[in-house]
Amino acid sequence: MAKQIVNNLVSKGLIEPAIAVERLIEETETLLLDELMAEDRLNDEVRQLLKKYESEIEKGRLDFRKLFDMTKHKLVRERNIVL
């Protein structure tokens, strides 16, 4: 995907790389992977935060899915994260 993005931008004259195209493709790939993993990292953080409510969740007093979604949305708003 990174190769296609870079090649399209270069071929359309939208960018003029200051570094080798191969290096630009590698950097673009790294950025794309980092963005794709952002939600995974956020989900892991939410799971860690909810561990303190584990016993309440297991007893059925709290709904894990609902708590997870609420906590995740709160963190997204607070941190201005775009998913």
PDB file of N, CA and C in Angstrom:
ATOM      1  N   MET A   1       0.829  -1.174   0.000  1.00  0.00           N
ATOM      2  CA  MET A   1       0.000   0.000   0.000  1.00  0.00           C
ATOM      3  C   MET A   1       0.884   1.251   0.000  1.00  0.00           C
ATOM      4  N   ALA A   2       1.935   1.225   0.810  1.00  0.00           N
ATOM      5  CA  ALA A   2       2.830   2.384   0.879  1.00  0.00           C
ATOM      6  C   ALA A   2       3.470   2.648  -0.475  1.00  0.00           C
ATOM      7  N   LYS A   3       3.865   1.583  -1.149  1.00  0.00           N
ATOM      8  CA  LYS A   3       4.498   1.729  -2.465  1.00  0.00           C
ATOM      9  C   LYS A   3       3.528   2.367  -3.458  1.00  0.00           C
ATOM     10  N   GLN A   4       2.285   1.924  -3.432  1.00  0.00           N
ATOM     11  CA  GLN A   4       1.283   2.469  -4.342  1.00  0.00           C
ATOM     12  C   GLN A   4       1.017   3.948  -4.045  1.00  0.00           C
ATOM     13  N   ILE A   5       0.925   4.295  -2.776  1.00  0.00           N
ATOM     14  CA  ILE A   5       0.682   5.692  -2.393  1.00  0.00           C
ATOM     15  C   ILE A   5       1.814   6.581  -2.877  1.00  0.00           C
ATOM     16  N   VAL A   6       3.042   6.179  -2.562  1.00  0.00           N
ATOM     17  CA  VAL A   6       4.202   6.994  -2.944  1.00  0.00           C
ATOM     18  C   VAL A   6       4.314   7.091  -4.459  1.00  0.00           C
ATOM     19  N   ASN A   7       4.176   5.966  -5.139  1.00  0.00           N
ATOM     20  CA  ASN A   7       4.279   5.989  -6.606  1.00  0.00           C
ATOM     21  C   ASN A   7       3.206   6.870  -7.239  1.00  0.00           C
ATOM     22  N   ASN A   8       1.984   6.821  -6.713  1.00  0.00           N
ATOM     23  CA  ASN A   8       0.920   7.685  -7.246  1.00  0.00           C
ATOM     24  C   ASN A   8       1.230   9.155  -7.019  1.00  0.00           C
ATOM     25  N   LEU A   9       1.695   9.495  -5.830  1.00  0.00           N
ATOM     26  CA  LEU A   9       2.018  10.892  -5.527  1.00  0.00           C
ATOM     27  C   LEU A   9       3.145  11.409  -6.411  1.00  0.00           C
ATOM     28  N   VAL A  10       4.161  10.574  -6.606  1.00  0.00           N
ATOM     29  CA  VAL A  10       5.305  10.972  -7.435  1.00  0.00           C
ATOM     30  C   VAL A  10       4.889  11.069  -8.901  1.00  0.00           C
ATOM     31  N   SER A  11       4.166  10.067  -9.395  1.00  0.00           N
ATOM     32  CA  SER A  11       3.799  10.052 -10.819  1.00  0.00           C
ATOM     33  C   SER A  11       2.854  11.204 -11.186  1.00  0.00           C
ATOM     34  N   LYS A  12       2.049  11.647 -10.239  1.00  0.00           N
ATOM     35  CA  LYS A  12       1.122  12.760 -10.494  1.00  0.00           C
ATOM     36  C   LYS A  12       1.771  14.113 -10.238  1.00  0.00           C
ATOM     37  N   GLY A  13       3.025  14.098  -9.814  1.00  0.00           N
ATOM     38  CA  GLY A  13       3.746  15.338  -9.579  1.00  0.00           C
ATOM     39  C   GLY A  13       3.302  16.076  -8.324  1.00  0.00           C
ATOM     40  N   LEU A  14       2.643  15.359  -7.424  1.00  0.00           N
ATOM     41  CA  LEU A  14       2.165  15.991  -6.193  1.00  0.00           C
ATOM     42  C   LEU A  14       3.270  16.149  -5.156  1.00  0.00           C
ATOM     43  N   ILE A  15       4.286  15.307  -5.266  1.00  0.00           N
ATOM     44  CA  ILE A  15       5.450  15.445  -4.390  1.00  0.00           C
ATOM     45  C   ILE A  15       6.716  15.250  -5.214  1.00  0.00           C
ATOM     46  N   GLU A  16       7.783  15.842  -4.726  1.00  0.00           N
ATOM     47  CA  GLU A  16       9.098  15.632  -5.316  1.00  0.00           C
ATOM     48  C   GLU A  16       9.999  15.172  -4.167  1.00  0.00           C
ATOM     49  N   PRO A  17      10.239  13.870  -4.075  1.00  0.00           N
ATOM     50  CA  PRO A  17      10.969  13.315  -2.933  1.00  0.00           C
ATOM     51  C   PRO A  17      12.366  13.913  -2.785  1.00  0.00           C
ATOM     52  N   ALA A  18      12.698  14.258  -1.552  1.00  0.00           N
ATOM     53  CA  ALA A  18      14.037  14.765  -1.246  1.00  0.00           C
ATOM     54  C   ALA A  18      14.962  13.621  -0.858  1.00  0.00           C
ATOM     55  N   ILE A  19      14.392  12.432  -0.722  1.00  0.00           N
ATOM     56  CA  ILE A  19      15.167  11.227  -0.409  1.00  0.00           C
ATOM     57  C   ILE A  19      14.832  10.175  -1.460  1.00  0.00           C
ATOM     58  N   ALA A  20      15.570   9.085  -1.443  1.00  0.00           N
ATOM     59  CA  ALA A  20      15.324   8.007  -2.406  1.00  0.00           C
ATOM     60  C   ALA A  20      13.889   7.494  -2.252  1.00  0.00           C
ATOM     61  N   VAL A  21      13.264   7.168  -3.364  1.00  0.00           N
ATOM     62  CA  VAL A  21      11.883   6.702  -3.349  1.00  0.00           C
ATOM     63  C   VAL A  21      11.744   5.457  -2.486  1.00  0.00           C
ATOM     64  N   GLU A  22      12.731   4.559  -2.536  1.00  0.00           N
ATOM     65  CA  GLU A  22      12.678   3.345  -1.724  1.00  0.00           C
ATOM     66  C   GLU A  22      12.625   3.686  -0.233  1.00  0.00           C
ATOM     67  N   ARG A  23      13.412   4.668   0.167  1.00  0.00           N
ATOM     68  CA  ARG A  23      13.425   5.108   1.569  1.00  0.00           C
ATOM     69  C   ARG A  23      12.085   5.755   1.935  1.00  0.00           C
ATOM     70  N   LEU A  24      11.540   6.537   1.027  1.00  0.00           N
ATOM     71  CA  LEU A  24      10.255   7.184   1.252  1.00  0.00           C
ATOM     72  C   LEU A  24       9.155   6.136   1.409  1.00  0.00           C
ATOM     73  N   ILE A  25       9.213   5.079   0.615  1.00  0.00           N
ATOM     74  CA  ILE A  25       8.243   3.986   0.732  1.00  0.00           C
ATOM     75  C   ILE A  25       8.362   3.325   2.104  1.00  0.00           C
ATOM     76  N   GLU A  26       9.590   3.078   2.549  1.00  0.00           N
ATOM     77  CA  GLU A  26       9.808   2.479   3.879  1.00  0.00           C
ATOM     78  C   GLU A  26       9.245   3.369   4.984  1.00  0.00           C
ATOM     79  N   GLU A  27       9.502   4.661   4.909  1.00  0.00           N
ATOM     80  CA  GLU A  27       9.008   5.606   5.918  1.00  0.00           C
ATOM     81  C   GLU A  27       7.476   5.678   5.906  1.00  0.00           C
ATOM     82  N   THR A  28       6.911   5.658   4.720  1.00  0.00           N
ATOM     83  CA  THR A  28       5.453   5.693   4.584  1.00  0.00           C
ATOM     84  C   THR A  28       4.842   4.433   5.181  1.00  0.00           C
ATOM     85  N   GLU A  29       5.463   3.295   4.924  1.00  0.00           N
ATOM     86  CA  GLU A  29       4.991   2.028   5.482  1.00  0.00           C
ATOM     87  C   GLU A  29       5.022   2.059   7.009  1.00  0.00           C
ATOM     88  N   THR A  30       6.083   2.599   7.570  1.00  0.00           N
ATOM     89  CA  THR A  30       6.202   2.702   9.028  1.00  0.00           C
ATOM     90  C   THR A  30       5.087   3.585   9.592  1.00  0.00           C
ATOM     91  N   LEU A  31       4.831   4.715   8.947  1.00  0.00           N
ATOM     92  CA  LEU A  31       3.768   5.616   9.401  1.00  0.00           C
ATOM     93  C   LEU A  31       2.394   4.964   9.312  1.00  0.00           C
ATOM     94  N   LEU A  32       2.140   4.261   8.224  1.00  0.00           N
ATOM     95  CA  LEU A  32       0.851   3.583   8.061  1.00  0.00           C
ATOM     96  C   LEU A  32       0.644   2.519   9.136  1.00  0.00           C
ATOM     97  N   LEU A  33       1.671   1.724   9.381  1.00  0.00           N
ATOM     98  CA  LEU A  33       1.567   0.685  10.408  1.00  0.00           C
ATOM     99  C   LEU A  33       1.336   1.290  11.784  1.00  0.00           C
ATOM    100  N   ASP A  34       2.025   2.374  12.066  1.00  0.00           N
ATOM    101  CA  ASP A  34       1.859   3.039  13.357  1.00  0.00           C
ATOM    102  C   ASP A  34       0.424   3.530  13.532  1.00  0.00           C
ATOM    103  N   GLU A  35      -0.144   4.103  12.496  1.00  0.00           N
ATOM    104  CA  GLU A  35      -1.523   4.588  12.556  1.00  0.00           C
ATOM    105  C   GLU A  35      -2.508   3.438  12.712  1.00  0.00           C
ATOM    106  N   LEU A  36      -2.261   2.350  12.000  1.00  0.00           N
ATOM    107  CA  LEU A  36      -3.156   1.197  12.095  1.00  0.00           C
ATOM    108  C   LEU A  36      -3.097   0.542  13.473  1.00  0.00           C
ATOM    109  N   MET A  37      -1.961   0.642  14.130  1.00  0.00           N
ATOM    110  CA  MET A  37      -1.796   0.025  15.444  1.00  0.00           C
ATOM    111  C   MET A  37      -2.278   0.923  16.581  1.00  0.00           C
ATOM    112  N   ALA A  38      -2.587   2.177  16.291  1.00  0.00           N
ATOM    113  CA  ALA A  38      -3.012   3.116  17.331  1.00  0.00           C
ATOM    114  C   ALA A  38      -4.242   2.606  18.070  1.00  0.00           C
ATOM    115  N   GLU A  39      -5.211   2.083  17.337  1.00  0.00           N
ATOM    116  CA  GLU A  39      -6.430   1.588  17.993  1.00  0.00           C
ATOM    117  C   GLU A  39      -6.139   0.346  18.823  1.00  0.00           C
ATOM    118  N   ASP A  40      -5.236  -0.503  18.350  1.00  0.00           N
ATOM    119  CA  ASP A  40      -4.850  -1.684  19.133  1.00  0.00           C
ATOM    120  C   ASP A  40      -4.214  -1.278  20.459  1.00  0.00           C
ATOM    121  N   ARG A  41      -3.344  -0.274  20.405  1.00  0.00           N
ATOM    122  CA  ARG A  41      -2.704   0.199  21.641  1.00  0.00           C
ATOM    123  C   ARG A  41      -3.738   0.797  22.589  1.00  0.00           C
ATOM    124  N   LEU A  42      -4.684   1.538  22.038  1.00  0.00           N
ATOM    125  CA  LEU A  42      -5.746   2.128  22.858  1.00  0.00           C
ATOM    126  C   LEU A  42      -6.591   1.028  23.496  1.00  0.00           C
ATOM    127  N   ASN A  43      -6.948   0.012  22.726  1.00  0.00           N
ATOM    128  CA  ASN A  43      -7.732  -1.100  23.262  1.00  0.00           C
ATOM    129  C   ASN A  43      -6.986  -1.797  24.399  1.00  0.00           C
ATOM    130  N   ASP A  44      -5.689  -1.996  24.244  1.00  0.00           N
ATOM    131  CA  ASP A  44      -4.888  -2.610  25.306  1.00  0.00           C
ATOM    132  C   ASP A  44      -4.891  -1.745  26.566  1.00  0.00           C
ATOM    133  N   GLU A  45      -4.788  -0.445  26.379  1.00  0.00           N
ATOM    134  CA  GLU A  45      -4.804   0.470  27.519  1.00  0.00           C
ATOM    135  C   GLU A  45      -6.143   0.418  28.251  1.00  0.00           C
ATOM    136  N   VAL A  46      -7.226   0.372  27.497  1.00  0.00           N
ATOM    137  CA  VAL A  46      -8.563   0.299  28.103  1.00  0.00           C
ATOM    138  C   VAL A  46      -8.698  -0.999  28.897  1.00  0.00           C
ATOM    139  N   ARG A  47      -8.235  -2.108  28.330  1.00  0.00           N
ATOM    140  CA  ARG A  47      -8.296  -3.392  29.051  1.00  0.00           C
ATOM    141  C   ARG A  47      -7.533  -3.311  30.372  1.00  0.00           C
ATOM    142  N   GLN A  48      -6.380  -2.669  30.348  1.00  0.00           N
ATOM    143  CA  GLN A  48      -5.588  -2.516  31.573  1.00  0.00           C
ATOM    144  C   GLN A  48      -6.335  -1.665  32.600  1.00  0.00           C
ATOM    145  N   LEU A  49      -6.946  -0.592  32.146  1.00  0.00           N
ATOM    146  CA  LEU A  49      -7.701   0.276  33.056  1.00  0.00           C
ATOM    147  C   LEU A  49      -8.879  -0.461  33.689  1.00  0.00           C
ATOM    148  N   LEU A  50      -9.504  -1.350  32.932  1.00  0.00           N
ATOM    149  CA  LEU A  50     -10.694  -2.047  33.427  1.00  0.00           C
ATOM    150  C   LEU A  50     -10.364  -3.245  34.313  1.00  0.00           C
ATOM    151  N   LYS A  51      -9.089  -3.601  34.395  1.00  0.00           N
ATOM    152  CA  LYS A  51      -8.711  -4.732  35.252  1.00  0.00           C
ATOM    153  C   LYS A  51      -9.101  -4.502  36.705  1.00  0.00           C
ATOM    154  N   LYS A  52      -9.131  -3.262  37.146  1.00  0.00           N
ATOM    155  CA  LYS A  52      -9.482  -2.980  38.542  1.00  0.00           C
ATOM    156  C   LYS A  52     -10.960  -3.246  38.824  1.00  0.00           C
ATOM    157  N   TYR A  53     -11.751  -3.387  37.768  1.00  0.00           N
ATOM    158  CA  TYR A  53     -13.178  -3.701  37.931  1.00  0.00           C
ATOM    159  C   TYR A  53     -13.480  -5.165  37.604  1.00  0.00           C
ATOM    160  N   GLU A  54     -12.440  -5.957  37.467  1.00  0.00           N
ATOM    161  CA  GLU A  54     -12.570  -7.349  37.043  1.00  0.00           C
ATOM    162  C   GLU A  54     -13.545  -8.157  37.901  1.00  0.00           C
ATOM    163  N   SER A  55     -13.443  -8.006  39.202  1.00  0.00           N
ATOM    164  CA  SER A  55     -14.330  -8.798  40.067  1.00  0.00           C
ATOM    165  C   SER A  55     -15.788  -8.373  39.905  1.00  0.00           C
ATOM    166  N   GLU A  56     -16.037  -7.096  39.744  1.00  0.00           N
ATOM    167  CA  GLU A  56     -17.401  -6.600  39.541  1.00  0.00           C
ATOM    168  C   GLU A  56     -17.962  -7.090  38.202  1.00  0.00           C
ATOM    169  N   ILE A  57     -17.104  -7.132  37.212  1.00  0.00           N
ATOM    170  CA  ILE A  57     -17.525  -7.596  35.898  1.00  0.00           C
ATOM    171  C   ILE A  57     -17.852  -9.086  35.956  1.00  0.00           C
ATOM    172  N   GLU A  58     -16.984  -9.853  36.620  1.00  0.00           N
ATOM    173  CA  GLU A  58     -17.196 -11.295  36.731  1.00  0.00           C
ATOM    174  C   GLU A  58     -18.470 -11.623  37.505  1.00  0.00           C
ATOM    175  N   LYS A  59     -18.814 -10.805  38.463  1.00  0.00           N
ATOM    176  CA  LYS A  59     -20.028 -11.035  39.247  1.00  0.00           C
ATOM    177  C   LYS A  59     -21.282 -10.591  38.496  1.00  0.00           C
ATOM    178  N   GLY A  60     -21.090  -9.984  37.349  1.00  0.00           N
ATOM    179  CA  GLY A  60     -22.232  -9.553  36.543  1.00  0.00           C
ATOM    180  C   GLY A  60     -22.787  -8.209  36.934  1.00  0.00           C
ATOM    181  N   ARG A  61     -22.110  -7.524  37.835  1.00  0.00           N
ATOM    182  CA  ARG A  61     -22.590  -6.201  38.265  1.00  0.00           C
ATOM    183  C   ARG A  61     -22.281  -5.119  37.233  1.00  0.00           C
ATOM    184  N   LEU A  62     -21.231  -5.364  36.451  1.00  0.00           N
ATOM    185  CA  LEU A  62     -20.844  -4.401  35.424  1.00  0.00           C
ATOM    186  C   LEU A  62     -20.721  -5.119  34.083  1.00  0.00           C
ATOM    187  N   ASP A  63     -21.094  -4.446  33.025  1.00  0.00           N
ATOM    188  CA  ASP A  63     -21.023  -4.997  31.677  1.00  0.00           C
ATOM    189  C   ASP A  63     -19.681  -4.586  31.054  1.00  0.00           C
ATOM    190  N   PHE A  64     -18.817  -5.579  30.804  1.00  0.00           N
ATOM    191  CA  PHE A  64     -17.483  -5.299  30.277  1.00  0.00           C
ATOM    192  C   PHE A  64     -17.553  -4.529  28.963  1.00  0.00           C
ATOM    193  N   ARG A  65     -18.374  -4.982  28.031  1.00  0.00           N
ATOM    194  CA  ARG A  65     -18.448  -4.352  26.709  1.00  0.00           C
ATOM    195  C   ARG A  65     -18.854  -2.886  26.820  1.00  0.00           C
ATOM    196  N   LYS A  66     -19.838  -2.630  27.664  1.00  0.00           N
ATOM    197  CA  LYS A  66     -20.319  -1.253  27.830  1.00  0.00           C
ATOM    198  C   LYS A  66     -19.229  -0.393  28.478  1.00  0.00           C
ATOM    199  N   LEU A  67     -18.603  -0.912  29.525  1.00  0.00           N
ATOM    200  CA  LEU A  67     -17.514  -0.180  30.176  1.00  0.00           C
ATOM    201  C   LEU A  67     -16.360   0.061  29.211  1.00  0.00           C
ATOM    202  N   PHE A  68     -16.034  -0.958  28.435  1.00  0.00           N
ATOM    203  CA  PHE A  68     -14.942  -0.858  27.469  1.00  0.00           C
ATOM    204  C   PHE A  68     -15.224   0.263  26.477  1.00  0.00           C
ATOM    205  N   ASP A  69     -16.418   0.233  25.887  1.00  0.00           N
ATOM    206  CA  ASP A  69     -16.779   1.246  24.897  1.00  0.00           C
ATOM    207  C   ASP A  69     -16.793   2.653  25.492  1.00  0.00           C
ATOM    208  N   MET A  70     -17.357   2.784  26.682  1.00  0.00           N
ATOM    209  CA  MET A  70     -17.421   4.101  27.325  1.00  0.00           C
ATOM    210  C   MET A  70     -16.021   4.629  27.633  1.00  0.00           C
ATOM    211  N   THR A  71     -15.165   3.759  28.158  1.00  0.00           N
ATOM    212  CA  THR A  71     -13.798   4.164  28.505  1.00  0.00           C
ATOM    213  C   THR A  71     -13.017   4.535  27.251  1.00  0.00           C
ATOM    214  N   LYS A  72     -13.169   3.736  26.223  1.00  0.00           N
ATOM    215  CA  LYS A  72     -12.463   4.000  24.968  1.00  0.00           C
ATOM    216  C   LYS A  72     -12.906   5.338  24.379  1.00  0.00           C
ATOM    217  N   HIS A  73     -14.197   5.577  24.327  1.00  0.00           N
ATOM    218  CA  HIS A  73     -14.699   6.849  23.780  1.00  0.00           C
ATOM    219  C   HIS A  73     -14.215   8.039  24.607  1.00  0.00           C
ATOM    220  N   LYS A  74     -14.150   7.853  25.919  1.00  0.00           N
ATOM    221  CA  LYS A  74     -13.670   8.930  26.789  1.00  0.00           C
ATOM    222  C   LYS A  74     -12.207   9.254  26.472  1.00  0.00           C
ATOM    223  N   LEU A  75     -11.366   8.234  26.336  1.00  0.00           N
ATOM    224  CA  LEU A  75      -9.957   8.455  26.029  1.00  0.00           C
ATOM    225  C   LEU A  75      -9.791   9.083  24.654  1.00  0.00           C
ATOM    226  N   VAL A  76     -10.596   8.660  23.701  1.00  0.00           N
ATOM    227  CA  VAL A  76     -10.526   9.233  22.345  1.00  0.00           C
ATOM    228  C   VAL A  76     -10.838  10.721  22.401  1.00  0.00           C
ATOM    229  N   ARG A  77     -11.893  11.080  23.124  1.00  0.00           N
ATOM    230  CA  ARG A  77     -12.251  12.508  23.240  1.00  0.00           C
ATOM    231  C   ARG A  77     -11.169  13.308  23.968  1.00  0.00           C
ATOM    232  N   GLU A  78     -10.692  12.774  25.088  1.00  0.00           N
ATOM    233  CA  GLU A  78      -9.701  13.493  25.892  1.00  0.00           C
ATOM    234  C   GLU A  78      -8.408  13.716  25.139  1.00  0.00           C
ATOM    235  N   ARG A  79      -8.018  12.743  24.321  1.00  0.00           N
ATOM    236  CA  ARG A  79      -6.732  12.809  23.627  1.00  0.00           C
ATOM    237  C   ARG A  79      -6.852  13.255  22.186  1.00  0.00           C
ATOM    238  N   ASN A  80      -8.060  13.562  21.758  1.00  0.00           N
ATOM    239  CA  ASN A  80      -8.277  13.974  20.364  1.00  0.00           C
ATOM    240  C   ASN A  80      -7.700  12.962  19.370  1.00  0.00           C
ATOM    241  N   ILE A  81      -7.971  11.706  19.628  1.00  0.00           N
ATOM    242  CA  ILE A  81      -7.491  10.627  18.772  1.00  0.00           C
ATOM    243  C   ILE A  81      -8.478  10.440  17.625  1.00  0.00           C
ATOM    244  N   VAL A  82      -7.930  10.265  16.433  1.00  0.00           N
ATOM    245  CA  VAL A  82      -8.752   9.965  15.269  1.00  0.00           C
ATOM    246  C   VAL A  82      -8.553   8.499  14.939  1.00  0.00           C
ATOM    247  N   LEU A  83      -9.655   7.751  14.974  1.00  0.00           N
ATOM    248  CA  LEU A  83      -9.575   6.313  14.670  1.00  0.00           C
ATOM    249  C   LEU A  83     -10.150   6.019  13.309  1.00  0.00           C
TER     250      LEU A  83
END
